[in-house]
Amino acid sequence: MTKNTKAKLQRRAGRTRSQLARRSRGRLRLSVFRSGKNIAAQVIDDRQGKTLASASSLEKDVLGNIKHGGSVDAATAIGKLVAERAVKAGIAEVVFDRGAYIYHGRVKALAEAAREAGLKF
């Protein structure tokens, strides 16, 4: 990844986060990270700077159930898992932080699976 490409990604993610901060009204943030081979999500409390729940396609129990970590199936599994962990931790409402990624494909699959599993956003 070149320096210019990384700067563009950070700028897009910053724009998304600044809009979320204005509209979140104190809710926690469900942040998504995706690469070509894996996907991860975490519920973050920005006030305390802590991660309250997380899931990744690199976890051993998830790896056994999916064929490839960078697929829509993996994103669906991660969405369900992070939502289950968040609900277990007492979290019901979040704001969805897609970062610099377009709401399409794996990011959309993760969001829809998290909604189905009980998170509201």
N, C-alpha and C. Protein backbone atom coordinates (compact mmCIF):
# COMPACT_ATOMS: atom_id res chain seq x y z
N MET A 1 0.84 -1.17 0.00
CA MET A 1 0.00 0.00 0.00
C MET A 1 0.89 1.24 0.00
N THR A 2 0.67 2.10 -0.95
CA THR A 2 1.51 3.29 -1.04
C THR A 2 1.09 4.32 0.02
N LYS A 3 1.95 5.27 0.20
CA LYS A 3 1.71 6.32 1.19
C LYS A 3 0.43 7.10 0.85
N ASN A 4 0.26 7.39 -0.44
CA ASN A 4 -0.90 8.15 -0.88
C ASN A 4 -2.20 7.38 -0.67
N THR A 5 -2.18 6.09 -0.96
CA THR A 5 -3.37 5.25 -0.80
C THR A 5 -3.75 5.16 0.67
N LYS A 6 -2.78 4.99 1.53
CA LYS A 6 -3.03 4.90 2.97
C LYS A 6 -3.61 6.22 3.49
N ALA A 7 -3.10 7.33 3.01
CA ALA A 7 -3.60 8.64 3.43
C ALA A 7 -5.06 8.81 3.00
N LYS A 8 -5.40 8.36 1.81
CA LYS A 8 -6.79 8.45 1.34
C LYS A 8 -7.72 7.60 2.19
N LEU A 9 -7.29 6.39 2.53
CA LEU A 9 -8.09 5.52 3.39
C LEU A 9 -8.33 6.17 4.75
N GLN A 10 -7.28 6.73 5.34
CA GLN A 10 -7.40 7.37 6.64
C GLN A 10 -8.30 8.59 6.58
N ARG A 11 -8.24 9.33 5.49
CA ARG A 11 -9.08 10.51 5.33
C ARG A 11 -10.56 10.12 5.23
N ARG A 12 -10.85 9.06 4.44
CA ARG A 12 -12.24 8.59 4.31
C ARG A 12 -12.77 8.07 5.64
N ALA A 13 -11.95 7.30 6.35
CA ALA A 13 -12.36 6.77 7.65
C ALA A 13 -12.59 7.90 8.65
N GLY A 14 -11.76 8.91 8.61
CA GLY A 14 -11.91 10.06 9.49
C GLY A 14 -13.20 10.82 9.23
N ARG A 15 -13.56 10.96 7.96
CA ARG A 15 -14.83 11.61 7.60
C ARG A 15 -16.01 10.84 8.17
N THR A 16 -15.97 9.53 8.02
CA THR A 16 -17.04 8.68 8.52
C THR A 16 -17.15 8.79 10.03
N ARG A 17 -16.02 8.72 10.72
CA ARG A 17 -16.03 8.77 12.18
C ARG A 17 -16.47 10.12 12.72
N SER A 18 -16.12 11.19 12.03
CA SER A 18 -16.52 12.51 12.52
C SER A 18 -18.04 12.68 12.39
N GLN A 19 -18.63 12.14 11.33
CA GLN A 19 -20.09 12.19 11.20
C GLN A 19 -20.76 11.33 12.25
N LEU A 20 -20.18 10.16 12.51
CA LEU A 20 -20.73 9.28 13.54
C LEU A 20 -20.67 9.94 14.91
N ALA A 21 -19.59 10.61 15.22
CA ALA A 21 -19.42 11.25 16.52
C ALA A 21 -20.50 12.31 16.73
N ARG A 22 -20.85 13.02 15.67
CA ARG A 22 -21.89 14.05 15.77
C ARG A 22 -23.27 13.45 15.98
N ARG A 23 -23.52 12.31 15.37
CA ARG A 23 -24.86 11.72 15.37
C ARG A 23 -25.06 10.61 16.38
N SER A 24 -24.02 10.18 17.05
CA SER A 24 -24.10 8.96 17.86
C SER A 24 -24.88 9.14 19.16
N ARG A 25 -24.93 10.33 19.72
CA ARG A 25 -25.60 10.60 20.98
C ARG A 25 -25.15 9.67 22.09
N GLY A 26 -23.85 9.42 22.15
CA GLY A 26 -23.27 8.64 23.24
C GLY A 26 -23.34 7.13 23.08
N ARG A 27 -23.86 6.66 21.95
CA ARG A 27 -23.92 5.20 21.75
C ARG A 27 -22.54 4.64 21.44
N LEU A 28 -22.40 3.35 21.66
CA LEU A 28 -21.14 2.67 21.36
C LEU A 28 -21.01 2.49 19.86
N ARG A 29 -19.79 2.20 19.41
CA ARG A 29 -19.50 2.12 17.98
C ARG A 29 -19.13 0.69 17.59
N LEU A 30 -19.80 0.17 16.55
CA LEU A 30 -19.45 -1.13 15.98
C LEU A 30 -18.56 -0.86 14.78
N SER A 31 -17.27 -1.10 14.95
CA SER A 31 -16.28 -0.79 13.93
C SER A 31 -15.89 -2.04 13.16
N VAL A 32 -15.73 -1.88 11.83
CA VAL A 32 -15.41 -3.01 10.96
C VAL A 32 -14.03 -2.79 10.35
N PHE A 33 -13.25 -3.86 10.29
CA PHE A 33 -11.99 -3.86 9.55
C PHE A 33 -12.02 -5.03 8.60
N ARG A 34 -11.68 -4.79 7.35
CA ARG A 34 -11.60 -5.90 6.40
C ARG A 34 -10.31 -5.79 5.61
N SER A 35 -9.76 -6.96 5.31
CA SER A 35 -8.61 -7.04 4.44
C SER A 35 -8.96 -8.04 3.36
N GLY A 36 -8.05 -8.35 2.50
CA GLY A 36 -8.32 -9.32 1.45
C GLY A 36 -8.54 -10.72 1.98
N LYS A 37 -7.94 -11.03 3.12
CA LYS A 37 -8.00 -12.39 3.65
C LYS A 37 -8.85 -12.56 4.88
N ASN A 38 -9.17 -11.49 5.60
CA ASN A 38 -9.88 -11.59 6.87
C ASN A 38 -10.83 -10.43 7.08
N ILE A 39 -11.68 -10.57 8.08
CA ILE A 39 -12.58 -9.51 8.50
C ILE A 39 -12.71 -9.54 10.01
N ALA A 40 -12.86 -8.37 10.61
CA ALA A 40 -12.98 -8.28 12.06
C ALA A 40 -13.94 -7.16 12.42
N ALA A 41 -14.56 -7.29 13.59
CA ALA A 41 -15.47 -6.25 14.08
C ALA A 41 -15.30 -6.13 15.58
N GLN A 42 -15.49 -4.92 16.08
CA GLN A 42 -15.41 -4.71 17.52
C GLN A 42 -16.35 -3.60 17.95
N VAL A 43 -16.90 -3.75 19.15
CA VAL A 43 -17.75 -2.74 19.75
C VAL A 43 -16.88 -1.93 20.68
N ILE A 44 -16.82 -0.62 20.42
CA ILE A 44 -15.88 0.26 21.11
C ILE A 44 -16.63 1.33 21.89
N ASP A 45 -16.19 1.58 23.12
CA ASP A 45 -16.67 2.70 23.92
C ASP A 45 -15.63 3.80 23.76
N ASP A 46 -15.96 4.83 22.98
CA ASP A 46 -15.00 5.89 22.70
C ASP A 46 -14.72 6.78 23.90
N ARG A 47 -15.67 6.88 24.81
CA ARG A 47 -15.46 7.72 26.00
C ARG A 47 -14.37 7.14 26.89
N GLN A 48 -14.41 5.82 27.08
CA GLN A 48 -13.41 5.17 27.93
C GLN A 48 -12.22 4.67 27.14
N GLY A 49 -12.36 4.58 25.82
CA GLY A 49 -11.27 4.07 24.98
C GLY A 49 -11.08 2.58 25.13
N LYS A 50 -12.19 1.83 25.32
CA LYS A 50 -12.10 0.39 25.53
C LYS A 50 -12.92 -0.38 24.51
N THR A 51 -12.45 -1.56 24.16
CA THR A 51 -13.19 -2.48 23.33
C THR A 51 -13.98 -3.40 24.25
N LEU A 52 -15.30 -3.45 24.05
CA LEU A 52 -16.17 -4.22 24.92
C LEU A 52 -16.51 -5.61 24.37
N ALA A 53 -16.53 -5.73 23.04
CA ALA A 53 -16.79 -7.03 22.41
C ALA A 53 -16.10 -7.02 21.05
N SER A 54 -15.59 -8.19 20.67
CA SER A 54 -14.93 -8.26 19.36
C SER A 54 -15.03 -9.66 18.79
N ALA A 55 -14.83 -9.74 17.48
CA ALA A 55 -14.80 -11.04 16.79
C ALA A 55 -13.96 -10.87 15.54
N SER A 56 -13.26 -11.94 15.16
CA SER A 56 -12.39 -11.90 14.00
C SER A 56 -12.41 -13.24 13.29
N SER A 57 -12.18 -13.21 11.99
CA SER A 57 -12.12 -14.47 11.24
C SER A 57 -10.82 -15.22 11.52
N LEU A 58 -9.94 -14.66 12.31
CA LEU A 58 -8.70 -15.33 12.68
C LEU A 58 -8.84 -16.18 13.94
N GLU A 59 -9.97 -16.10 14.62
CA GLU A 59 -10.17 -16.89 15.83
C GLU A 59 -10.31 -18.37 15.47
N LYS A 60 -9.80 -19.22 16.34
CA LYS A 60 -9.76 -20.65 16.05
C LYS A 60 -11.14 -21.27 15.88
N ASP A 61 -12.10 -20.89 16.73
CA ASP A 61 -13.43 -21.47 16.61
C ASP A 61 -14.17 -21.02 15.36
N VAL A 62 -13.83 -19.85 14.84
CA VAL A 62 -14.44 -19.35 13.61
C VAL A 62 -13.77 -19.98 12.39
N LEU A 63 -12.46 -20.14 12.45
CA LEU A 63 -11.71 -20.70 11.32
C LEU A 63 -12.19 -22.09 10.91
N GLY A 64 -12.64 -22.87 11.88
CA GLY A 64 -13.10 -24.22 11.58
C GLY A 64 -14.42 -24.25 10.83
N ASN A 65 -15.22 -23.19 10.97
CA ASN A 65 -16.55 -23.15 10.37
C ASN A 65 -16.61 -22.49 9.01
N ILE A 66 -15.57 -21.77 8.63
CA ILE A 66 -15.58 -21.06 7.35
C ILE A 66 -14.48 -21.57 6.44
N LYS A 67 -14.71 -21.39 5.16
CA LYS A 67 -13.74 -21.87 4.17
C LYS A 67 -12.61 -20.86 3.97
N HIS A 68 -12.97 -19.58 3.88
CA HIS A 68 -12.01 -18.50 3.62
C HIS A 68 -12.39 -17.30 4.48
N GLY A 69 -11.43 -16.69 5.14
CA GLY A 69 -11.69 -15.58 6.05
C GLY A 69 -12.13 -14.30 5.37
N GLY A 70 -11.93 -14.18 4.07
CA GLY A 70 -12.28 -12.96 3.37
C GLY A 70 -13.54 -13.09 2.54
N SER A 71 -14.46 -13.97 2.93
CA SER A 71 -15.67 -14.20 2.15
C SER A 71 -16.89 -13.58 2.82
N VAL A 72 -17.99 -13.54 2.09
CA VAL A 72 -19.25 -13.04 2.64
C VAL A 72 -19.74 -13.97 3.75
N ASP A 73 -19.50 -15.26 3.60
CA ASP A 73 -19.88 -16.21 4.64
C ASP A 73 -19.14 -15.93 5.95
N ALA A 74 -17.88 -15.61 5.84
CA ALA A 74 -17.08 -15.28 7.02
C ALA A 74 -17.61 -13.99 7.66
N ALA A 75 -17.95 -13.01 6.84
CA ALA A 75 -18.47 -11.74 7.36
C ALA A 75 -19.79 -11.96 8.10
N THR A 76 -20.63 -12.83 7.56
CA THR A 76 -21.90 -13.15 8.23
C THR A 76 -21.65 -13.80 9.57
N ALA A 77 -20.72 -14.75 9.62
CA ALA A 77 -20.39 -15.43 10.88
C ALA A 77 -19.84 -14.45 11.91
N ILE A 78 -18.99 -13.54 11.48
CA ILE A 78 -18.39 -12.55 12.39
C ILE A 78 -19.46 -11.58 12.89
N GLY A 79 -20.36 -11.17 12.02
CA GLY A 79 -21.45 -10.28 12.43
C GLY A 79 -22.31 -10.91 13.52
N LYS A 80 -22.67 -12.17 13.33
CA LYS A 80 -23.46 -12.89 14.33
C LYS A 80 -22.69 -13.00 15.65
N LEU A 81 -21.44 -13.38 15.54
CA LEU A 81 -20.62 -13.60 16.74
C LEU A 81 -20.41 -12.33 17.54
N VAL A 82 -20.09 -11.24 16.88
CA VAL A 82 -19.85 -9.98 17.61
C VAL A 82 -21.16 -9.49 18.23
N ALA A 83 -22.29 -9.69 17.55
CA ALA A 83 -23.58 -9.27 18.11
C ALA A 83 -23.93 -10.11 19.34
N GLU A 84 -23.70 -11.41 19.27
CA GLU A 84 -23.97 -12.28 20.41
C GLU A 84 -23.12 -11.89 21.61
N ARG A 85 -21.86 -11.59 21.36
CA ARG A 85 -20.97 -11.19 22.45
C ARG A 85 -21.36 -9.84 23.02
N ALA A 86 -21.82 -8.92 22.16
CA ALA A 86 -22.25 -7.60 22.63
C ALA A 86 -23.52 -7.70 23.46
N VAL A 87 -24.47 -8.49 23.00
CA VAL A 87 -25.72 -8.66 23.74
C VAL A 87 -25.44 -9.31 25.09
N LYS A 88 -24.52 -10.27 25.10
CA LYS A 88 -24.13 -10.94 26.34
C LYS A 88 -23.49 -9.93 27.32
N ALA A 89 -22.80 -8.93 26.78
CA ALA A 89 -22.16 -7.90 27.61
C ALA A 89 -23.14 -6.79 28.00
N GLY A 90 -24.41 -6.91 27.56
CA GLY A 90 -25.42 -5.93 27.94
C GLY A 90 -25.53 -4.75 26.99
N ILE A 91 -25.06 -4.90 25.78
CA ILE A 91 -25.10 -3.82 24.79
C ILE A 91 -26.24 -4.10 23.82
N ALA A 92 -27.16 -3.13 23.66
CA ALA A 92 -28.30 -3.33 22.78
C ALA A 92 -28.23 -2.43 21.55
N GLU A 93 -27.72 -1.21 21.72
CA GLU A 93 -27.70 -0.24 20.63
C GLU A 93 -26.28 0.24 20.34
N VAL A 94 -25.95 0.32 19.06
CA VAL A 94 -24.65 0.81 18.62
C VAL A 94 -24.83 1.68 17.39
N VAL A 95 -23.78 2.35 16.98
CA VAL A 95 -23.74 3.00 15.67
C VAL A 95 -22.76 2.20 14.82
N PHE A 96 -23.06 2.05 13.55
CA PHE A 96 -22.25 1.22 12.67
C PHE A 96 -21.19 2.08 12.01
N ASP A 97 -19.93 1.74 12.25
CA ASP A 97 -18.80 2.45 11.67
C ASP A 97 -18.19 1.58 10.57
N ARG A 98 -18.49 1.92 9.35
CA ARG A 98 -17.97 1.15 8.22
C ARG A 98 -16.56 1.57 7.86
N GLY A 99 -16.05 2.60 8.50
CA GLY A 99 -14.69 3.07 8.22
C GLY A 99 -14.58 3.66 6.84
N ALA A 100 -13.56 3.27 6.10
CA ALA A 100 -13.34 3.79 4.76
C ALA A 100 -13.98 2.89 3.70
N TYR A 101 -14.71 1.86 4.14
CA TYR A 101 -15.26 0.88 3.21
C TYR A 101 -16.67 1.24 2.78
N ILE A 102 -17.01 0.87 1.57
CA ILE A 102 -18.35 1.07 1.04
C ILE A 102 -19.29 0.07 1.70
N TYR A 103 -20.52 0.47 1.98
CA TYR A 103 -21.51 -0.41 2.57
C TYR A 103 -22.03 -1.35 1.48
N HIS A 104 -21.26 -2.40 1.25
CA HIS A 104 -21.55 -3.32 0.16
C HIS A 104 -20.78 -4.61 0.41
N GLY A 105 -21.31 -5.73 -0.04
CA GLY A 105 -20.57 -6.98 0.04
C GLY A 105 -20.36 -7.46 1.47
N ARG A 106 -19.11 -7.64 1.85
CA ARG A 106 -18.78 -8.19 3.17
C ARG A 106 -19.19 -7.27 4.31
N VAL A 107 -19.04 -5.97 4.12
CA VAL A 107 -19.40 -5.02 5.16
C VAL A 107 -20.91 -5.05 5.38
N LYS A 108 -21.67 -5.10 4.31
CA LYS A 108 -23.12 -5.16 4.39
C LYS A 108 -23.57 -6.48 5.02
N ALA A 109 -22.94 -7.58 4.65
CA ALA A 109 -23.28 -8.89 5.20
C ALA A 109 -23.04 -8.92 6.71
N LEU A 110 -21.94 -8.35 7.16
CA LEU A 110 -21.63 -8.29 8.59
C LEU A 110 -22.70 -7.47 9.32
N ALA A 111 -23.07 -6.33 8.77
CA ALA A 111 -24.06 -5.46 9.40
C ALA A 111 -25.42 -6.15 9.50
N GLU A 112 -25.85 -6.80 8.44
CA GLU A 112 -27.16 -7.46 8.44
C GLU A 112 -27.18 -8.63 9.42
N ALA A 113 -26.08 -9.38 9.50
CA ALA A 113 -26.00 -10.50 10.44
C ALA A 113 -26.03 -9.99 11.88
N ALA A 114 -25.39 -8.87 12.15
CA ALA A 114 -25.39 -8.29 13.50
C ALA A 114 -26.79 -7.82 13.87
N ARG A 115 -27.51 -7.25 12.92
CA ARG A 115 -28.89 -6.83 13.18
C ARG A 115 -29.78 -8.03 13.49
N GLU A 116 -29.64 -9.09 12.70
CA GLU A 116 -30.44 -10.29 12.91
C GLU A 116 -30.16 -10.95 14.27
N ALA A 117 -28.93 -10.81 14.73
CA ALA A 117 -28.53 -11.42 16.00
C ALA A 117 -28.90 -10.57 17.22
N GLY A 118 -29.49 -9.38 16.99
CA GLY A 118 -30.00 -8.63 18.13
C GLY A 118 -29.47 -7.22 18.34
N LEU A 119 -28.47 -6.79 17.60
CA LEU A 119 -27.98 -5.42 17.77
C LEU A 119 -28.87 -4.44 16.99
N LYS A 120 -29.10 -3.27 17.57
CA LYS A 120 -29.90 -2.25 16.89
C LYS A 120 -29.00 -1.11 16.45
N PHE A 121 -29.07 -0.78 15.18
CA PHE A 121 -28.37 0.40 14.65
C PHE A 121 -29.00 0.82 13.36
